[in-house]
Amino acid sequence: MFAKLTLLDGLIVLVYFTAVLGIGLYHSRRNKDTEDFISGSRQMPWLAVLGSIVATEVSAATFLATPGVGFSENMSYLQFGVGSFLARIFIAYIFLSVFYAAKSLTIYEFLADRFGNGTRYTATLFFIVTRLLASAVRLMIAATGLSLILDVPYSVCLGIFTLVAIIYTGGGGIRGIIWTDVLQAIVFISCGLALILYIGQNIGWDTINHIGANSGRFDIFRFSPTEDCNLLGWINDPKIFWIAVIFGFISTTAAFGTDQDMTQRMLTCKDVRAARRSVVLSGFISIPIAALFLFVGIALFAFYQVNIDAELPLKILENDSTEVDYDKIFPWFIGTQLPSGLRGLLLVGVLAAAMSSLDSTMGALSSSALVDLYRPLLKKQTNQECGLFLSRIFVTIFGIALALTAWALKDAEGFLWLTFKIGSITYGALLGVFLLGILTKRGSDRGNWVTMLSGSLLCAGLLALIETDHLSLGWTWLIVIGTAWTFGFGSLWHEKAPQSKRPAGL
């Protein structure tokens, strides 16, 4: 049975909502034009940008889904962090140099300068579709978690998240997003530490360590397949160290270098050196945070091993047996086991996870729609008031679109890996075309959109075959295939680059 929220829990939630809306309202007065709204006039402190990157990376996928991985598997997910850390160094010294030299409001403006508007439109549409789906999964995770904790309808939780995020994102712009993300990062980390301390005091640290060690939950590195030792076994297992490092490197490079949602905040620093500090240092922080929430899952596993009578969330299988729904372990524990006060703090953590999944996405989608679609397609340059108004209209539109998509995905399973699978279809094409533009002098506008579309269709077809067991290939290779396809075939095309009004970098 779920515990009822107490007055103390409610006060903690109220303070959080007041802080978030207050930050958005405060920064709404500082937005004078579209550049302020989108880039903060490139005056944001790099430490704040660092906090924003951390919060966006954590989101609902890490906060609510990663403990389920620690509960049911082990800590091998941390292997991805090795490649992810190397990717941040690559992004900091290659991609950011080009983007800051281009002085673009969005990274897809760089593609327009380098190749032409056909490449820009294709990349923008890829970003919008992918980001809507991936962020909707994160929103769905958060709404599901809050629904479990409060024992209220999923639709109510979804509506509350969306409304609050639209208000403070539409008001504060990128400044409001970054400073609320800083608050959310503090909340995330505090929640993880508080929960571990509570379980440790409840069942004992020795018990957690003993149960975790005996069940293999603390295992991190794996250098060979556990079952099939043939070639397919070596290349298809995403938890083998070298596969995890490759996937971590390529997926993080794609996320940080081709996704406006992540790069927008990096382009708000006063210069490229400040931006580099925020990106590289985020790599040192992201691995410990992932380890923190994996350890939360291990602590939960130990708790339920000790308290065998404690009820677990179950899902009914086709054969009428039952198994634990690992994705719902953490929110279930919050709603059924935590005392007053701590339950309110963890509830705020769920709210923060939802907000960080929504705010930056709405801001990035809004900026890209205005700068990369509305203005070039309609051949219109908006004045200050009109630009701000349109930005806020787009925030509202995309907020509603995210909520509707999250509603459609409410019955999805495998939360943590679902976000990666969605990105694997288009991230390869986006990464390939950006690498083509940054590292070479080849490529053409027409050739780019042809190879991007064909590469994504290829990856979508391969994913369908993999998911239906018609192809024995690990889905983690899809982003590699998409990148190689777009970069390789795109480099076969060559035509004179369009005249650019801004320096395009290298």
Protein backbone atom coordinates (compact mmCIF):
# COMPACT_ATOMS: atom_id res chain seq x y z
CA MET A 1 0.00 0.00 0.00
CA PHE A 2 1.18 3.50 -0.80
CA ALA A 3 1.84 5.93 2.02
CA LYS A 4 -0.03 9.23 1.92
CA LEU A 5 1.89 12.43 1.47
CA THR A 6 2.23 14.41 4.66
CA LEU A 7 2.23 18.17 5.19
CA LEU A 8 6.04 18.11 5.32
CA ASP A 9 6.21 16.30 1.97
CA GLY A 10 3.85 18.83 0.46
CA LEU A 11 5.87 21.78 1.78
CA ILE A 12 9.07 20.38 0.25
CA VAL A 13 7.37 20.03 -3.13
CA LEU A 14 5.87 23.53 -2.85
CA VAL A 15 9.28 25.06 -2.12
CA TYR A 16 10.74 23.33 -5.17
CA PHE A 17 7.98 24.51 -7.51
CA THR A 18 8.26 28.04 -6.14
CA ALA A 19 12.02 28.06 -6.73
CA VAL A 20 11.71 26.78 -10.29
CA LEU A 21 8.97 29.20 -11.31
CA GLY A 22 10.78 32.05 -9.53
CA ILE A 23 13.95 31.40 -11.54
CA GLY A 24 11.99 31.41 -14.79
CA LEU A 25 10.13 34.62 -13.89
CA TYR A 26 13.32 36.41 -12.81
CA HIS A 27 15.15 35.65 -16.06
CA SER A 28 12.14 36.43 -18.25
CA ARG A 29 12.81 40.14 -17.64
CA ARG A 30 16.35 39.82 -19.03
CA ASN A 31 15.33 38.49 -22.44
CA LYS A 32 15.36 41.45 -24.80
CA ASP A 33 15.56 39.62 -28.14
CA THR A 34 15.84 36.21 -29.78
CA GLU A 35 19.60 35.99 -29.22
CA ASP A 36 19.07 36.56 -25.50
CA PHE A 37 16.38 33.89 -25.42
CA ILE A 38 18.43 31.29 -27.34
CA SER A 39 22.06 31.94 -26.34
CA GLY A 40 21.89 34.20 -23.26
CA SER A 41 24.03 36.63 -25.30
CA ARG A 42 26.90 34.18 -24.61
CA GLN A 43 27.37 35.48 -21.08
CA MET A 44 26.56 32.41 -18.99
CA PRO A 45 29.13 31.30 -16.35
CA TRP A 46 30.82 28.05 -17.32
CA LEU A 47 30.10 26.51 -13.91
CA ALA A 48 26.38 27.06 -14.46
CA VAL A 49 26.68 25.50 -17.91
CA LEU A 50 28.46 22.53 -16.32
CA GLY A 51 25.56 22.06 -13.88
CA SER A 52 23.09 22.28 -16.75
CA ILE A 53 24.93 19.61 -18.75
CA VAL A 54 24.96 17.32 -15.73
CA ALA A 55 21.24 17.83 -15.06
CA THR A 56 20.26 17.22 -18.68
CA GLU A 57 22.35 14.05 -18.83
CA VAL A 58 20.86 12.72 -15.61
CA SER A 59 17.21 13.42 -16.49
CA ALA A 60 14.57 10.81 -15.78
CA ALA A 61 16.44 8.03 -17.59
CA THR A 62 19.32 8.07 -15.09
CA PHE A 63 17.35 9.07 -12.00
CA LEU A 64 14.55 6.51 -12.30
CA ALA A 65 15.68 3.86 -14.81
CA THR A 66 19.36 3.36 -13.91
CA PRO A 67 18.55 2.01 -10.41
CA GLY A 68 16.51 -0.67 -12.18
CA VAL A 69 19.65 -1.71 -14.08
CA GLY A 70 21.67 -1.87 -10.85
CA PHE A 71 18.86 -3.87 -9.21
CA SER A 72 18.54 -6.46 -11.99
CA GLU A 73 22.05 -6.60 -13.51
CA ASN A 74 25.30 -5.03 -12.31
CA MET A 75 27.45 -1.91 -12.83
CA SER A 76 28.70 -2.76 -16.34
CA TYR A 77 26.81 0.26 -17.64
CA LEU A 78 29.76 2.33 -16.35
CA GLN A 79 31.88 0.98 -19.21
CA PHE A 80 30.00 3.34 -21.52
CA GLY A 81 31.36 6.19 -19.42
CA VAL A 82 34.93 5.51 -20.58
CA GLY A 83 34.06 6.17 -24.21
CA SER A 84 31.77 9.02 -23.19
CA PHE A 85 34.61 10.79 -21.37
CA LEU A 86 36.92 10.50 -24.40
CA ALA A 87 34.14 11.85 -26.61
CA ARG A 88 33.82 15.01 -24.51
CA ILE A 89 37.49 15.81 -25.07
CA PHE A 90 36.97 15.29 -28.81
CA ILE A 91 33.91 17.55 -28.81
CA ALA A 92 35.63 20.23 -26.72
CA TYR A 93 38.66 20.62 -28.99
CA ILE A 94 37.21 19.84 -32.44
CA PHE A 95 33.49 20.61 -32.60
CA LEU A 96 33.31 23.57 -30.22
CA SER A 97 36.17 25.36 -31.99
CA VAL A 98 34.18 25.26 -35.23
CA PHE A 99 30.84 26.22 -33.68
CA TYR A 100 32.27 29.23 -31.82
CA ALA A 101 34.10 30.38 -34.96
CA ALA A 102 30.84 30.16 -36.93
CA LYS A 103 29.02 32.36 -34.34
CA SER A 104 25.75 30.58 -35.07
CA LEU A 105 22.64 30.59 -32.89
CA THR A 106 22.13 26.90 -33.68
CA ILE A 107 24.56 24.25 -34.87
CA TYR A 108 22.44 23.63 -37.97
CA GLU A 109 23.27 27.16 -39.13
CA PHE A 110 26.83 25.88 -39.44
CA LEU A 111 25.61 23.19 -41.85
CA ALA A 112 23.81 25.85 -43.91
CA ASP A 113 27.02 27.87 -44.17
CA ARG A 114 29.13 24.83 -44.95
CA PHE A 115 26.85 23.00 -47.40
CA GLY A 116 23.52 24.74 -47.96
CA ASN A 117 19.96 24.78 -46.68
CA GLY A 118 19.08 21.28 -47.90
CA THR A 119 21.53 19.79 -45.40
CA ARG A 120 20.33 22.20 -42.73
CA TYR A 121 16.64 21.33 -43.19
CA THR A 122 17.31 17.59 -43.18
CA ALA A 123 19.45 17.78 -40.03
CA THR A 124 16.90 20.00 -38.30
CA LEU A 125 14.03 17.63 -39.07
CA PHE A 126 16.12 14.66 -37.91
CA PHE A 127 16.85 16.48 -34.69
CA ILE A 128 13.22 17.46 -34.09
CA VAL A 129 11.85 13.96 -34.66
CA THR A 130 14.60 12.21 -32.67
CA ARG A 131 14.52 14.67 -29.79
CA LEU A 132 10.72 14.53 -29.55
CA LEU A 133 10.80 10.74 -29.29
CA ALA A 134 13.82 10.41 -26.99
CA SER A 135 12.75 13.20 -24.62
CA ALA A 136 9.19 11.90 -24.61
CA VAL A 137 10.57 8.59 -23.31
CA ARG A 138 12.30 10.46 -20.47
CA LEU A 139 9.10 12.38 -19.73
CA MET A 140 7.15 9.12 -19.78
CA ILE A 141 9.61 7.63 -17.27
CA ALA A 142 9.16 10.58 -14.91
CA ALA A 143 5.37 10.68 -15.23
CA THR A 144 5.21 6.92 -14.62
CA GLY A 145 7.39 7.31 -11.53
CA LEU A 146 5.30 10.12 -10.06
CA SER A 147 2.11 8.22 -10.86
CA LEU A 148 3.42 5.23 -8.89
CA ILE A 149 4.60 7.34 -5.95
CA LEU A 150 1.40 9.36 -5.58
CA ASP A 151 -0.98 6.65 -6.83
CA VAL A 152 -2.62 9.17 -9.17
CA PRO A 153 -3.44 8.88 -12.89
CA TYR A 154 -0.55 9.03 -15.34
CA SER A 155 -2.32 11.73 -17.38
CA VAL A 156 -2.51 14.09 -14.37
CA CYS A 157 1.23 13.80 -13.71
CA LEU A 158 2.00 14.34 -17.38
CA GLY A 159 -0.18 17.46 -17.52
CA ILE A 160 1.41 19.01 -14.40
CA PHE A 161 4.95 18.44 -15.68
CA THR A 162 4.17 19.93 -19.07
CA LEU A 163 2.37 23.01 -17.77
CA VAL A 164 5.08 23.99 -15.25
CA ALA A 165 7.89 23.44 -17.75
CA ILE A 166 6.15 25.53 -20.43
CA ILE A 167 5.71 28.41 -17.98
CA TYR A 168 9.31 28.72 -16.80
CA THR A 169 10.96 27.73 -20.11
CA GLY A 170 8.81 30.08 -22.16
CA GLY A 171 9.53 32.86 -19.69
CA GLY A 172 13.20 32.47 -18.85
CA GLY A 173 14.63 31.10 -22.10
CA ILE A 174 18.08 29.52 -22.00
CA ARG A 175 19.04 31.48 -18.87
CA GLY A 176 16.06 30.10 -17.01
CA ILE A 177 16.79 26.60 -18.34
CA ILE A 178 20.43 26.64 -17.24
CA TRP A 179 19.82 28.02 -13.75
CA THR A 180 16.90 25.68 -13.06
CA ASP A 181 19.09 22.83 -14.31
CA VAL A 182 21.71 23.81 -11.73
CA LEU A 183 19.05 23.52 -9.03
CA GLN A 184 17.91 20.18 -10.45
CA ALA A 185 21.47 18.79 -10.51
CA ILE A 186 21.82 19.60 -6.80
CA VAL A 187 18.46 17.90 -6.14
CA PHE A 188 19.42 14.76 -8.10
CA ILE A 189 22.69 14.23 -6.27
CA SER A 190 21.16 15.01 -2.87
CA CYS A 191 18.37 12.50 -3.46
CA GLY A 192 20.75 9.72 -4.46
CA LEU A 193 22.98 10.25 -1.45
CA ALA A 194 20.05 10.57 0.96
CA LEU A 195 18.49 7.32 -0.25
CA ILE A 196 21.72 5.36 0.04
CA LEU A 197 22.26 6.70 3.56
CA TYR A 198 18.71 5.70 4.52
CA ILE A 199 19.02 2.13 3.21
CA GLY A 200 22.50 1.81 4.73
CA GLN A 201 21.16 2.81 8.13
CA ASN A 202 18.14 0.55 7.66
CA ILE A 203 19.82 -2.76 6.76
CA GLY A 204 23.52 -2.02 7.37
CA TRP A 205 26.40 -1.25 5.02
CA ASP A 206 27.95 -4.68 5.47
CA THR A 207 24.69 -6.28 4.36
CA ILE A 208 24.60 -4.20 1.17
CA ASN A 209 28.22 -5.00 0.37
CA HIS A 210 27.81 -8.71 1.16
CA ILE A 211 24.64 -9.22 -0.89
CA GLY A 212 25.91 -7.06 -3.75
CA ALA A 213 29.25 -8.87 -3.96
CA ASN A 214 27.76 -12.36 -3.73
CA SER A 215 25.22 -11.63 -6.47
CA GLY A 216 27.77 -10.05 -8.81
CA ARG A 217 26.07 -6.66 -8.67
CA PHE A 218 29.38 -4.80 -8.27
CA ASP A 219 30.88 -6.23 -11.47
CA ILE A 220 31.88 -3.46 -13.89
CA PHE A 221 34.25 -4.72 -16.57
CA ARG A 222 33.69 -7.66 -18.89
CA PHE A 223 36.20 -8.43 -21.61
CA SER A 224 34.62 -11.49 -23.24
CA PRO A 225 31.09 -12.76 -24.01
CA THR A 226 29.41 -14.88 -21.36
CA GLU A 227 27.80 -17.37 -23.75
CA ASP A 228 28.56 -17.27 -27.49
CA CYS A 229 32.31 -17.10 -28.00
CA ASN A 230 32.06 -16.98 -31.81
CA LEU A 231 32.49 -13.81 -33.85
CA LEU A 232 28.88 -12.68 -33.37
CA GLY A 233 29.20 -13.15 -29.62
CA TRP A 234 32.23 -10.87 -29.56
CA ILE A 235 30.72 -8.04 -31.63
CA ASN A 236 27.08 -8.14 -30.53
CA ASP A 237 27.32 -8.02 -26.76
CA PRO A 238 27.01 -4.32 -25.75
CA LYS A 239 28.38 -5.10 -22.28
CA ILE A 240 31.79 -6.23 -23.51
CA PHE A 241 34.28 -3.51 -22.63
CA TRP A 242 35.52 -2.56 -26.08
CA ILE A 243 32.00 -2.55 -27.59
CA ALA A 244 30.77 -0.39 -24.69
CA VAL A 245 33.66 2.07 -25.12
CA ILE A 246 33.06 2.40 -28.88
CA PHE A 247 29.34 2.89 -28.39
CA GLY A 248 29.90 5.34 -25.52
CA PHE A 249 32.30 7.40 -27.64
CA ILE A 250 30.16 7.56 -30.77
CA SER A 251 26.81 8.08 -29.02
CA THR A 252 28.21 10.85 -26.79
CA THR A 253 29.92 12.53 -29.76
CA ALA A 254 26.60 12.47 -31.59
CA ALA A 255 24.66 13.77 -28.58
CA PHE A 256 27.10 16.55 -27.70
CA GLY A 257 28.11 17.50 -31.22
CA THR A 258 24.99 17.14 -33.37
CA ASP A 259 22.04 17.59 -31.00
CA GLN A 260 20.96 21.18 -30.40
CA ASP A 261 19.52 20.14 -27.04
CA MET A 262 23.00 19.50 -25.63
CA THR A 263 25.06 21.97 -27.65
CA GLN A 264 22.78 24.96 -27.08
CA ARG A 265 23.93 25.39 -23.49
CA MET A 266 27.60 24.91 -24.47
CA LEU A 267 27.29 27.84 -26.87
CA THR A 268 26.16 30.22 -24.10
CA CYS A 269 29.65 30.65 -22.59
CA LYS A 270 31.59 33.82 -23.31
CA ASP A 271 34.31 31.98 -25.28
CA VAL A 272 35.35 28.53 -26.43
CA ARG A 273 37.81 28.03 -23.53
CA ALA A 274 35.02 28.41 -20.97
CA ALA A 275 32.81 26.04 -22.95
CA ARG A 276 35.60 23.46 -23.07
CA ARG A 277 35.97 23.52 -19.30
CA SER A 278 32.28 22.81 -18.80
CA VAL A 279 32.24 19.92 -21.28
CA VAL A 280 35.43 18.18 -20.14
CA LEU A 281 34.63 18.52 -16.43
CA SER A 282 31.16 17.09 -17.04
CA GLY A 283 32.94 13.86 -18.00
CA PHE A 284 34.57 13.65 -14.58
CA ILE A 285 31.17 14.13 -12.93
CA SER A 286 28.93 11.96 -15.13
CA ILE A 287 30.62 8.64 -14.28
CA PRO A 288 30.34 9.06 -10.47
CA ILE A 289 26.70 10.13 -10.84
CA ALA A 290 25.90 7.06 -12.95
CA ALA A 291 27.70 4.94 -10.34
CA LEU A 292 25.66 6.61 -7.60
CA PHE A 293 22.33 5.61 -9.13
CA LEU A 294 23.54 2.13 -10.04
CA PHE A 295 24.51 1.75 -6.37
CA VAL A 296 21.01 2.92 -5.43
CA GLY A 297 19.72 -0.06 -7.42
CA ILE A 298 22.12 -2.43 -5.66
CA ALA A 299 21.06 -1.06 -2.27
CA LEU A 300 17.41 -1.60 -3.25
CA PHE A 301 18.23 -5.17 -4.27
CA ALA A 302 19.80 -5.79 -0.86
CA PHE A 303 16.84 -4.15 0.90
CA TYR A 304 14.32 -6.46 -0.77
CA GLN A 305 16.54 -9.49 -0.11
CA VAL A 306 16.48 -8.65 3.60
CA ASN A 307 12.82 -7.58 3.70
CA ILE A 308 11.42 -10.52 1.77
CA ASP A 309 7.84 -9.66 2.74
CA ALA A 310 8.04 -6.20 1.17
CA GLU A 311 5.77 -5.94 -1.87
CA LEU A 312 7.40 -5.48 -5.30
CA PRO A 313 5.95 -4.04 -8.53
CA LEU A 314 5.05 -6.98 -10.75
CA LYS A 315 4.09 -7.43 -14.37
CA ILE A 316 2.03 -10.35 -15.65
CA LEU A 317 3.60 -12.43 -18.41
CA GLU A 318 1.80 -14.37 -21.14
CA ASN A 319 2.36 -17.65 -19.28
CA ASP A 320 0.56 -16.27 -16.21
CA SER A 321 3.73 -16.18 -14.11
CA THR A 322 5.02 -12.98 -12.57
CA GLU A 323 8.33 -11.13 -12.57
CA VAL A 324 9.59 -7.89 -11.14
CA ASP A 325 9.13 -4.78 -13.28
CA TYR A 326 12.65 -3.44 -12.78
CA ASP A 327 11.96 -0.05 -14.38
CA LYS A 328 9.49 0.72 -11.59
CA ILE A 329 11.55 -0.46 -8.61
CA PHE A 330 12.83 2.96 -7.56
CA PRO A 331 9.54 4.94 -7.71
CA TRP A 332 7.74 1.99 -6.07
CA PHE A 333 10.22 2.07 -3.18
CA ILE A 334 9.76 5.84 -2.79
CA GLY A 335 6.00 5.47 -2.63
CA THR A 336 5.84 2.48 -0.28
CA GLN A 337 8.89 2.48 2.00
CA LEU A 338 10.20 5.98 2.69
CA PRO A 339 9.27 8.06 5.75
CA SER A 340 7.75 11.53 5.65
CA GLY A 341 10.22 14.23 4.63
CA LEU A 342 12.55 11.88 2.81
CA ARG A 343 9.65 10.83 0.63
CA GLY A 344 9.02 14.51 -0.16
CA LEU A 345 12.68 15.04 -1.06
CA LEU A 346 12.69 12.04 -3.41
CA LEU A 347 9.41 13.22 -4.91
CA VAL A 348 11.13 16.52 -5.70
CA GLY A 349 13.87 14.44 -7.35
CA VAL A 350 11.28 12.85 -9.64
CA LEU A 351 9.87 16.30 -10.42
CA ALA A 352 13.36 17.60 -11.18
CA ALA A 353 13.96 14.61 -13.47
CA ALA A 354 10.82 15.48 -15.41
CA MET A 355 11.66 19.17 -15.60
CA SER A 356 15.18 18.56 -16.89
CA SER A 357 13.73 16.20 -19.50
CA LEU A 358 11.38 18.91 -20.70
CA ASP A 359 12.89 22.38 -20.35
CA SER A 360 16.09 22.08 -22.38
CA THR A 361 14.31 20.03 -25.05
CA MET A 362 11.56 22.61 -25.49
CA GLY A 363 14.14 25.40 -25.61
CA ALA A 364 16.29 23.61 -28.19
CA LEU A 365 13.34 22.59 -30.36
CA SER A 366 11.99 26.14 -30.23
CA SER A 367 15.30 27.75 -31.22
CA SER A 368 15.89 25.29 -34.05
CA ALA A 369 12.35 25.65 -35.41
CA LEU A 370 12.65 29.46 -35.45
CA VAL A 371 16.24 29.83 -36.71
CA ASP A 372 16.53 26.79 -39.00
CA LEU A 373 13.01 26.41 -40.41
CA TYR A 374 10.79 29.45 -39.92
CA ARG A 375 13.24 32.18 -40.92
CA PRO A 376 14.96 30.54 -43.92
CA LEU A 377 11.83 28.88 -45.33
CA LEU A 378 9.63 31.98 -45.03
CA LYS A 379 12.53 34.37 -45.82
CA LYS A 380 11.62 36.45 -42.79
CA GLN A 381 13.80 38.29 -40.31
CA THR A 382 11.78 38.95 -37.17
CA ASN A 383 12.10 42.01 -34.95
CA GLN A 384 12.91 41.67 -31.25
CA GLU A 385 9.33 41.46 -29.99
CA CYS A 386 8.15 39.13 -32.75
CA GLY A 387 11.17 36.82 -32.35
CA LEU A 388 10.58 36.46 -28.60
CA PHE A 389 6.87 35.88 -29.14
CA LEU A 390 7.50 33.17 -31.76
CA SER A 391 10.10 31.50 -29.55
CA ARG A 392 7.56 31.22 -26.75
CA ILE A 393 4.87 29.98 -29.12
CA PHE A 394 7.21 27.23 -30.33
CA VAL A 395 8.03 26.32 -26.71
CA THR A 396 4.32 25.79 -26.06
CA ILE A 397 3.78 23.79 -29.26
CA PHE A 398 6.68 21.46 -28.58
CA GLY A 399 5.73 21.09 -24.92
CA ILE A 400 2.30 19.83 -25.96
CA ALA A 401 3.86 17.60 -28.63
CA LEU A 402 6.21 16.05 -26.05
CA ALA A 403 3.31 15.36 -23.70
CA LEU A 404 1.24 13.71 -26.44
CA THR A 405 4.20 11.57 -27.52
CA ALA A 406 4.87 10.56 -23.91
CA TRP A 407 1.22 9.55 -23.62
CA ALA A 408 1.53 7.35 -26.71
CA LEU A 409 4.65 5.66 -25.24
CA LYS A 410 3.20 5.06 -21.77
CA ASP A 411 3.22 1.25 -22.13
CA ALA A 412 6.81 0.97 -23.41
CA GLU A 413 9.30 -1.27 -21.59
CA GLY A 414 13.08 -1.23 -21.16
CA PHE A 415 13.19 2.49 -20.36
CA LEU A 416 16.96 3.03 -20.26
CA TRP A 417 17.78 1.28 -23.53
CA LEU A 418 14.73 2.60 -25.41
CA THR A 419 16.20 6.13 -25.50
CA PHE A 420 19.44 4.79 -27.01
CA LYS A 421 17.62 2.73 -29.65
CA ILE A 422 15.61 5.74 -30.82
CA GLY A 423 18.76 7.82 -31.22
CA SER A 424 20.59 5.04 -33.09
CA ILE A 425 18.37 5.55 -36.16
CA THR A 426 19.26 9.19 -36.89
CA TYR A 427 22.31 10.03 -34.75
CA GLY A 428 24.63 8.21 -37.16
CA ALA A 429 23.45 10.30 -40.11
CA LEU A 430 23.77 13.52 -38.11
CA LEU A 431 27.24 12.64 -36.85
CA GLY A 432 28.39 11.62 -40.32
CA VAL A 433 27.39 14.91 -41.92
CA PHE A 434 28.91 17.02 -39.13
CA LEU A 435 32.19 15.07 -39.36
CA LEU A 436 32.10 15.60 -43.12
CA GLY A 437 31.70 19.34 -42.66
CA ILE A 438 34.28 19.73 -39.90
CA LEU A 439 37.03 17.31 -40.89
CA THR A 440 36.95 17.50 -44.71
CA LYS A 441 36.40 19.92 -47.57
CA ARG A 442 34.21 17.48 -49.47
CA GLY A 443 30.45 16.93 -49.55
CA SER A 444 27.53 18.64 -51.24
CA ASP A 445 24.12 19.87 -50.23
CA ARG A 446 22.25 17.42 -52.45
CA GLY A 447 24.52 14.49 -51.65
CA ASN A 448 24.22 15.10 -47.91
CA TRP A 449 20.46 14.90 -47.62
CA VAL A 450 20.36 11.87 -49.92
CA THR A 451 22.94 9.99 -47.84
CA MET A 452 21.38 11.12 -44.54
CA LEU A 453 17.93 9.89 -45.53
CA SER A 454 19.19 6.62 -46.98
CA GLY A 455 21.45 6.00 -43.96
CA SER A 456 18.60 6.53 -41.50
CA LEU A 457 16.24 4.33 -43.51
CA LEU A 458 18.93 1.65 -43.53
CA CYS A 459 19.35 1.88 -39.73
CA ALA A 460 15.58 1.85 -39.18
CA GLY A 461 15.26 -1.28 -41.30
CA LEU A 462 18.14 -2.99 -39.52
CA LEU A 463 16.66 -2.11 -36.11
CA ALA A 464 13.31 -3.63 -37.15
CA LEU A 465 15.08 -6.83 -38.20
CA ILE A 466 17.07 -6.92 -34.95
CA GLU A 467 14.01 -6.35 -32.75
CA THR A 468 12.08 -9.13 -34.55
CA ASP A 469 15.04 -11.56 -34.25
CA HIS A 470 15.56 -11.72 -38.01
CA LEU A 471 19.10 -10.32 -37.80
CA SER A 472 21.84 -11.39 -35.39
CA LEU A 473 23.44 -7.98 -34.95
CA GLY A 474 23.75 -5.86 -31.81
CA TRP A 475 21.67 -2.69 -32.11
CA THR A 476 24.60 -0.66 -30.73
CA TRP A 477 26.29 -0.99 -34.14
CA LEU A 478 23.53 0.97 -35.88
CA ILE A 479 24.97 4.38 -35.01
CA VAL A 480 28.37 3.21 -36.31
CA ILE A 481 26.78 2.01 -39.55
CA GLY A 482 24.84 5.25 -39.98
CA THR A 483 27.92 7.38 -39.36
CA ALA A 484 30.10 5.38 -41.77
CA TRP A 485 27.37 5.37 -44.45
CA THR A 486 26.77 9.13 -44.33
CA PHE A 487 30.43 10.11 -44.05
CA GLY A 488 31.62 7.59 -46.66
CA PHE A 489 29.03 8.14 -49.37
CA GLY A 490 28.73 11.85 -48.58
CA SER A 491 32.46 12.32 -49.23
CA LEU A 492 32.00 10.96 -52.76
CA TRP A 493 29.97 14.05 -53.63
CA HIS A 494 31.70 17.35 -54.08
CA GLU A 495 30.59 20.78 -55.14
CA LYS A 496 31.51 24.34 -54.34
CA ALA A 497 30.34 25.39 -50.87
CA PRO A 498 27.80 28.24 -50.64
CA GLN A 499 28.95 31.73 -49.90
CA SER A 500 28.93 32.21 -46.14
CA LYS A 501 28.48 35.42 -44.23
CA ARG A 502 30.29 33.97 -41.24
CA PRO A 503 33.51 32.01 -40.89
CA ALA A 504 32.72 28.30 -41.03
CA GLY A 505 35.59 27.17 -38.88
CA LEU A 506 38.23 24.84 -40.20
